[in-house]
Amino acid sequence: QGALVYGSGAQMFAQVFSAIVVILAFTAGSLLIQWLGEQIDVKGIGNGISILIFAGIVSRWTSIFTTIKTWLGFAAGGEVKYYFLIPVFVVLAISVIVFIVILNAAERRIPVQYAKRVVGRKMYGGQSTHLPIKVNASGVMPIIFASSILSLPQTISMFWQPESGSVGAHILNLFSQTSVFYIVLYALLILAFAYFYASIQFNPIEIANNLKKNGGFIPGFRPGKPTSDFITKALGKVTFVGALFLAVVALLPLIVGAVNSGLRNVALGGTSVIIVVGVALDTVKQMEAQMLMRHHKG
């Protein structure tokens, strides 16, 4: 009996010790990554943590080349369909990247005119500018929120396995990534979170009041409520286009994986491509700004 108690105590100690080691390893790794990101920022490149995430995502894209290499072997073996599948796959992947680049930089520019003011002997105002509304102002946040909520049933299924044919099993099957219900619900959640994020980020009433205080107005609309109503309507249209863009990019891997299970692990779209494109464009802009600042005359 003493040996049994000693054995169970030693086993419990080993489990607790393993848990502590895992927690400390994760904490130390997070601190190391944070320090590396700060070093990238200190050197003037910027986007330190984002660049590390960028490198991690790109390093996992070797599966694409592995898949293409396998298909080339099948094509060499006499399977004719892969001669058509490989060009279609490459064109689709390039089209997704081009589509993300275009819509990531797209914006709706609302013209703003400032009235002329005479202060003393000087005249101020009179210039024309614009109010930019980005199509994809929320970035990847709606996709992250939607995928986090839809991952809860899959997490529950890891701890609870209902009997096949029961109500619980049918509910969990609805939330599998290949089901139509999951894809439709995923798209609706992305749309909802895109509008939610835009409403937090953009306040049309405050913008209209600031324009009115500074003597600015949108041509064809009176200052105050008509201006805020127009900005709200324009924001709703732009947000809808951006939400559709996010839904298409996020659902493309799920649809391709449902059609062909062999392509389920190949990244044709989703959050990773949006992050990679966004970080790459932002880093290029920051490096161009650094070069302009260092090589400016004077």
Protein backbone atom coordinates (compact mmCIF):
# COMPACT_ATOMS: atom_id res chain seq x y z
CA GLN A 1 0.00 0.00 0.00
CA GLY A 2 2.89 2.38 0.80
CA ALA A 3 4.43 1.61 -2.59
CA LEU A 4 1.15 2.41 -4.32
CA VAL A 5 0.82 5.75 -2.53
CA TYR A 6 4.45 6.59 -3.30
CA GLY A 7 3.95 5.66 -6.94
CA SER A 8 0.84 7.82 -7.35
CA GLY A 9 2.58 10.74 -5.61
CA ALA A 10 5.62 10.49 -7.86
CA GLN A 11 3.38 10.31 -10.93
CA MET A 12 1.45 13.41 -9.84
CA PHE A 13 4.73 15.26 -9.17
CA ALA A 14 5.98 14.34 -12.66
CA GLN A 15 2.76 15.67 -14.24
CA VAL A 16 2.88 18.94 -12.26
CA PHE A 17 6.58 19.36 -13.09
CA SER A 18 5.89 18.77 -16.78
CA ALA A 19 3.10 21.37 -16.72
CA ILE A 20 5.40 23.93 -15.05
CA VAL A 21 8.15 23.26 -17.64
CA VAL A 22 5.67 23.72 -20.51
CA ILE A 23 4.35 27.00 -19.05
CA LEU A 24 7.87 28.33 -18.48
CA ALA A 25 8.94 27.30 -22.00
CA PHE A 26 5.97 29.13 -23.56
CA THR A 27 6.63 32.21 -21.41
CA ALA A 28 10.35 32.26 -22.25
CA GLY A 29 9.64 31.77 -25.95
CA SER A 30 7.10 34.64 -25.95
CA LEU A 31 9.58 36.96 -24.24
CA LEU A 32 12.30 35.97 -26.72
CA ILE A 33 10.03 36.68 -29.70
CA GLN A 34 9.01 40.02 -28.16
CA TRP A 35 12.66 40.96 -27.68
CA LEU A 36 13.50 40.03 -31.28
CA GLY A 37 10.57 42.12 -32.50
CA GLU A 38 11.78 45.11 -30.48
CA GLN A 39 15.26 44.74 -32.00
CA ILE A 40 13.74 44.90 -35.50
CA ASP A 41 11.87 48.09 -34.47
CA VAL A 42 15.04 49.61 -32.97
CA LYS A 43 16.94 49.09 -36.24
CA GLY A 44 14.37 51.29 -38.00
CA ILE A 45 12.62 48.66 -40.12
CA GLY A 46 9.44 48.60 -38.01
CA ASN A 47 6.67 45.97 -37.74
CA GLY A 48 8.92 43.79 -35.57
CA ILE A 49 6.39 41.23 -34.31
CA SER A 50 4.48 41.36 -37.61
CA ILE A 51 7.63 40.51 -39.58
CA LEU A 52 8.24 37.48 -37.33
CA ILE A 53 4.64 36.33 -37.89
CA PHE A 54 5.18 36.96 -41.62
CA ALA A 55 8.28 34.71 -41.58
CA GLY A 56 6.43 31.97 -39.69
CA ILE A 57 3.53 31.97 -42.18
CA VAL A 58 5.78 31.99 -45.26
CA SER A 59 7.89 29.13 -43.85
CA ARG A 60 4.75 26.93 -43.74
CA TRP A 61 4.02 27.55 -47.42
CA THR A 62 6.47 24.80 -48.38
CA SER A 63 3.41 22.52 -48.44
CA ILE A 64 2.37 24.26 -51.68
CA PHE A 65 5.62 23.32 -53.40
CA THR A 66 5.40 19.79 -51.99
CA THR A 67 1.89 19.44 -53.41
CA ILE A 68 2.94 20.77 -56.84
CA LYS A 69 5.94 18.39 -56.85
CA THR A 70 3.63 15.47 -56.08
CA TRP A 71 1.26 16.51 -58.87
CA LEU A 72 4.16 16.75 -61.31
CA GLY A 73 5.04 13.16 -60.41
CA PHE A 74 1.44 12.10 -61.07
CA ALA A 75 1.47 13.97 -64.40
CA ALA A 76 4.72 12.28 -65.39
CA GLY A 77 3.09 8.96 -64.50
CA GLY A 78 0.43 9.49 -67.16
CA GLU A 79 -2.46 11.11 -65.25
CA VAL A 80 -3.61 13.76 -67.72
CA LYS A 81 -5.84 15.75 -65.33
CA TYR A 82 -2.82 17.12 -63.46
CA TYR A 83 -1.62 18.89 -66.62
CA PHE A 84 -4.74 21.08 -66.26
CA LEU A 85 -4.90 21.14 -62.45
CA ILE A 86 -1.41 22.59 -61.89
CA PRO A 87 -1.85 25.72 -64.13
CA VAL A 88 -5.34 26.32 -62.66
CA PHE A 89 -3.92 26.10 -59.13
CA VAL A 90 -1.03 28.50 -59.87
CA VAL A 91 -3.32 31.03 -61.60
CA LEU A 92 -5.81 30.84 -58.71
CA ALA A 93 -3.09 31.41 -56.10
CA ILE A 94 -1.66 34.43 -57.99
CA SER A 95 -5.18 35.83 -58.51
CA VAL A 96 -5.91 35.63 -54.77
CA ILE A 97 -2.71 37.52 -53.92
CA VAL A 98 -3.39 40.22 -56.57
CA PHE A 99 -7.00 40.51 -55.34
CA ILE A 100 -5.83 40.99 -51.74
CA VAL A 101 -3.19 43.57 -52.73
CA ILE A 102 -5.72 45.66 -54.70
CA LEU A 103 -8.45 45.63 -52.06
CA ASN A 104 -6.01 46.05 -49.17
CA ALA A 105 -4.94 49.44 -50.61
CA ALA A 106 -8.38 50.43 -51.95
CA GLU A 107 -10.23 53.34 -50.37
CA ARG A 108 -13.24 55.57 -50.98
CA ARG A 109 -12.21 59.24 -51.08
CA ILE A 110 -14.96 61.67 -50.09
CA PRO A 111 -14.14 65.20 -51.35
CA VAL A 112 -13.96 67.92 -48.68
CA GLN A 113 -13.84 71.66 -49.41
CA TYR A 114 -12.73 74.24 -46.84
CA ALA A 115 -14.20 77.75 -46.92
CA LYS A 116 -11.92 80.78 -47.17
CA ARG A 117 -11.37 82.77 -43.98
CA VAL A 118 -9.68 86.14 -43.52
CA VAL A 119 -7.71 86.49 -40.28
CA GLY A 120 -6.07 89.89 -40.06
CA ARG A 121 -4.34 90.47 -43.38
CA LYS A 122 -3.99 86.75 -44.21
CA MET A 123 -6.43 84.43 -45.94
CA TYR A 124 -6.76 80.85 -44.74
CA GLY A 125 -8.61 77.87 -46.17
CA GLY A 126 -10.00 77.49 -49.63
CA GLN A 127 -8.16 74.25 -50.36
CA SER A 128 -9.71 70.96 -51.44
CA THR A 129 -8.88 67.66 -49.78
CA HIS A 130 -10.54 64.29 -49.26
CA LEU A 131 -11.72 62.05 -46.44
CA PRO A 132 -10.33 58.51 -47.02
CA ILE A 133 -12.41 55.45 -46.03
CA LYS A 134 -10.44 52.24 -46.48
CA VAL A 135 -12.27 49.26 -47.96
CA ASN A 136 -10.52 46.85 -45.59
CA ALA A 137 -10.18 49.11 -42.55
CA SER A 138 -10.67 46.26 -40.05
CA GLY A 139 -7.86 44.08 -41.44
CA VAL A 140 -8.08 40.44 -40.37
CA MET A 141 -9.87 41.10 -37.06
CA PRO A 142 -13.37 39.99 -38.28
CA ILE A 143 -11.91 36.69 -39.53
CA ILE A 144 -10.07 36.13 -36.22
CA PHE A 145 -13.21 36.88 -34.15
CA ALA A 146 -15.43 34.67 -36.32
CA SER A 147 -13.00 31.73 -36.35
CA SER A 148 -12.51 32.02 -32.56
CA ILE A 149 -16.27 31.73 -31.94
CA LEU A 150 -16.72 28.85 -34.40
CA SER A 151 -13.79 26.96 -32.84
CA LEU A 152 -15.71 26.54 -29.54
CA PRO A 153 -17.79 23.50 -30.73
CA GLN A 154 -14.60 21.83 -32.00
CA THR A 155 -12.97 22.45 -28.61
CA ILE A 156 -15.99 20.92 -26.87
CA SER A 157 -15.75 17.86 -29.12
CA MET A 158 -12.19 17.26 -27.83
CA PHE A 159 -13.54 16.71 -24.28
CA TRP A 160 -16.97 15.26 -25.05
CA GLN A 161 -17.66 12.55 -27.64
CA PRO A 162 -21.44 12.03 -28.05
CA GLU A 163 -22.86 8.80 -29.38
CA SER A 164 -23.21 8.57 -33.13
CA GLY A 165 -26.74 9.44 -34.25
CA SER A 166 -27.53 11.49 -31.15
CA VAL A 167 -28.58 15.16 -31.16
CA GLY A 168 -25.18 16.24 -29.81
CA ALA A 169 -23.37 14.40 -32.61
CA HIS A 170 -25.56 16.07 -35.26
CA ILE A 171 -24.91 19.52 -33.74
CA LEU A 172 -21.14 18.95 -33.69
CA ASN A 173 -21.24 17.69 -37.29
CA LEU A 174 -22.92 20.96 -38.31
CA PHE A 175 -19.82 22.80 -37.07
CA SER A 176 -17.33 20.73 -39.07
CA GLN A 177 -15.37 22.84 -41.54
CA THR A 178 -16.72 20.95 -44.55
CA SER A 179 -20.42 21.51 -43.76
CA VAL A 180 -22.50 24.12 -45.60
CA PHE A 181 -23.91 25.41 -42.28
CA TYR A 182 -20.40 26.17 -41.00
CA ILE A 183 -19.40 28.01 -44.20
CA VAL A 184 -22.59 30.14 -44.26
CA LEU A 185 -22.36 30.96 -40.53
CA TYR A 186 -18.67 31.83 -40.95
CA ALA A 187 -19.51 34.30 -43.74
CA LEU A 188 -22.33 35.91 -41.72
CA LEU A 189 -20.10 36.32 -38.65
CA ILE A 190 -17.38 37.94 -40.77
CA LEU A 191 -19.95 40.42 -42.15
CA ALA A 192 -21.27 41.19 -38.65
CA PHE A 193 -17.83 41.72 -37.11
CA ALA A 194 -16.70 43.87 -40.06
CA TYR A 195 -19.63 46.26 -39.46
CA PHE A 196 -19.01 46.15 -35.69
CA TYR A 197 -15.34 47.01 -36.11
CA ALA A 198 -16.12 49.81 -38.60
CA SER A 199 -18.69 51.35 -36.21
CA ILE A 200 -16.07 51.42 -33.44
CA GLN A 201 -13.30 52.80 -35.64
CA PHE A 202 -15.32 55.43 -37.51
CA ASN A 203 -17.71 57.98 -35.92
CA PRO A 204 -19.57 59.93 -38.68
CA ILE A 205 -21.19 62.38 -36.22
CA GLU A 206 -17.82 63.36 -34.73
CA ILE A 207 -16.27 63.74 -38.20
CA ALA A 208 -19.18 65.95 -39.35
CA ASN A 209 -18.84 68.13 -36.25
CA ASN A 210 -15.08 68.50 -36.74
CA LEU A 211 -15.60 69.50 -40.39
CA LYS A 212 -18.20 72.07 -39.33
CA LYS A 213 -15.88 73.56 -36.67
CA ASN A 214 -12.99 73.87 -39.12
CA GLY A 215 -15.10 75.39 -41.89
CA GLY A 216 -15.08 72.26 -44.04
CA PHE A 217 -17.99 70.77 -45.95
CA ILE A 218 -18.71 68.01 -48.45
CA PRO A 219 -19.88 69.53 -51.77
CA GLY A 220 -23.63 69.04 -52.19
CA PHE A 221 -24.35 68.42 -48.49
CA ARG A 222 -25.03 70.89 -45.71
CA PRO A 223 -22.85 70.77 -42.58
CA GLY A 224 -24.18 68.83 -39.60
CA LYS A 225 -26.69 65.98 -39.85
CA PRO A 226 -26.86 65.76 -43.69
CA THR A 227 -23.06 65.38 -43.78
CA SER A 228 -23.04 62.68 -41.07
CA ASP A 229 -25.88 60.81 -42.84
CA PHE A 230 -23.94 60.84 -46.12
CA ILE A 231 -20.74 59.62 -44.39
CA THR A 232 -22.73 56.86 -42.64
CA LYS A 233 -24.24 55.71 -45.95
CA ALA A 234 -20.83 55.77 -47.69
CA LEU A 235 -19.23 53.91 -44.76
CA GLY A 236 -21.93 51.22 -44.90
CA LYS A 237 -21.38 50.61 -48.63
CA VAL A 238 -17.58 50.51 -48.32
CA THR A 239 -17.74 48.24 -45.26
CA PHE A 240 -20.04 45.84 -47.13
CA VAL A 241 -17.54 45.57 -50.01
CA GLY A 242 -14.67 45.03 -47.57
CA ALA A 243 -16.64 42.40 -45.62
CA LEU A 244 -17.45 40.53 -48.84
CA PHE A 245 -13.76 40.63 -49.74
CA LEU A 246 -12.80 39.18 -46.35
CA ALA A 247 -15.50 36.49 -46.60
CA VAL A 248 -14.35 35.41 -50.08
CA VAL A 249 -10.70 35.20 -49.02
CA ALA A 250 -11.50 33.39 -45.76
CA LEU A 251 -13.95 30.90 -47.30
CA LEU A 252 -11.85 30.02 -50.34
CA PRO A 253 -9.68 27.43 -48.49
CA LEU A 254 -12.79 25.86 -46.92
CA ILE A 255 -14.63 25.61 -50.25
CA VAL A 256 -11.56 24.22 -52.05
CA GLY A 257 -10.99 21.75 -49.19
CA ALA A 258 -14.65 20.62 -49.30
CA VAL A 259 -14.42 20.06 -53.08
CA ASN A 260 -11.04 18.29 -52.96
CA SER A 261 -9.78 16.92 -49.64
CA GLY A 262 -6.21 16.78 -50.98
CA LEU A 263 -6.13 20.59 -51.16
CA ARG A 264 -7.40 21.12 -47.60
CA ASN A 265 -3.96 21.86 -46.15
CA VAL A 266 -2.81 24.05 -49.04
CA ALA A 267 -3.03 27.78 -48.26
CA LEU A 268 -4.88 29.41 -51.16
CA GLY A 269 -6.35 32.20 -49.05
CA GLY A 270 -7.48 32.93 -45.55
CA THR A 271 -6.00 34.98 -42.76
CA SER A 272 -2.39 34.06 -43.51
CA VAL A 273 -2.35 35.60 -47.01
CA ILE A 274 -3.99 38.84 -45.78
CA ILE A 275 -1.41 39.12 -42.97
CA VAL A 276 1.50 38.43 -45.34
CA VAL A 277 0.32 40.97 -47.94
CA GLY A 278 -0.50 43.62 -45.32
CA VAL A 279 2.83 43.29 -43.52
CA ALA A 280 4.78 43.30 -46.81
CA LEU A 281 3.07 46.47 -48.10
CA ASP A 282 3.39 48.25 -44.75
CA THR A 283 7.08 47.33 -44.41
CA VAL A 284 7.81 48.60 -47.94
CA LYS A 285 6.11 51.92 -47.11
CA GLN A 286 8.12 52.30 -43.90
CA MET A 287 11.40 51.50 -45.66
CA GLU A 288 10.60 54.03 -48.40
CA ALA A 289 9.88 56.64 -45.71
CA GLN A 290 13.22 55.85 -44.02
CA MET A 291 15.10 56.19 -47.32
CA LEU A 292 13.31 59.46 -48.14
CA MET A 293 14.17 60.86 -44.71
CA ARG A 294 17.84 59.85 -44.92
CA HIS A 295 18.42 61.01 -48.53
CA HIS A 296 16.40 64.22 -48.44
CA LYS A 297 18.31 67.27 -49.59
CA GLY A 298 19.43 69.43 -46.67
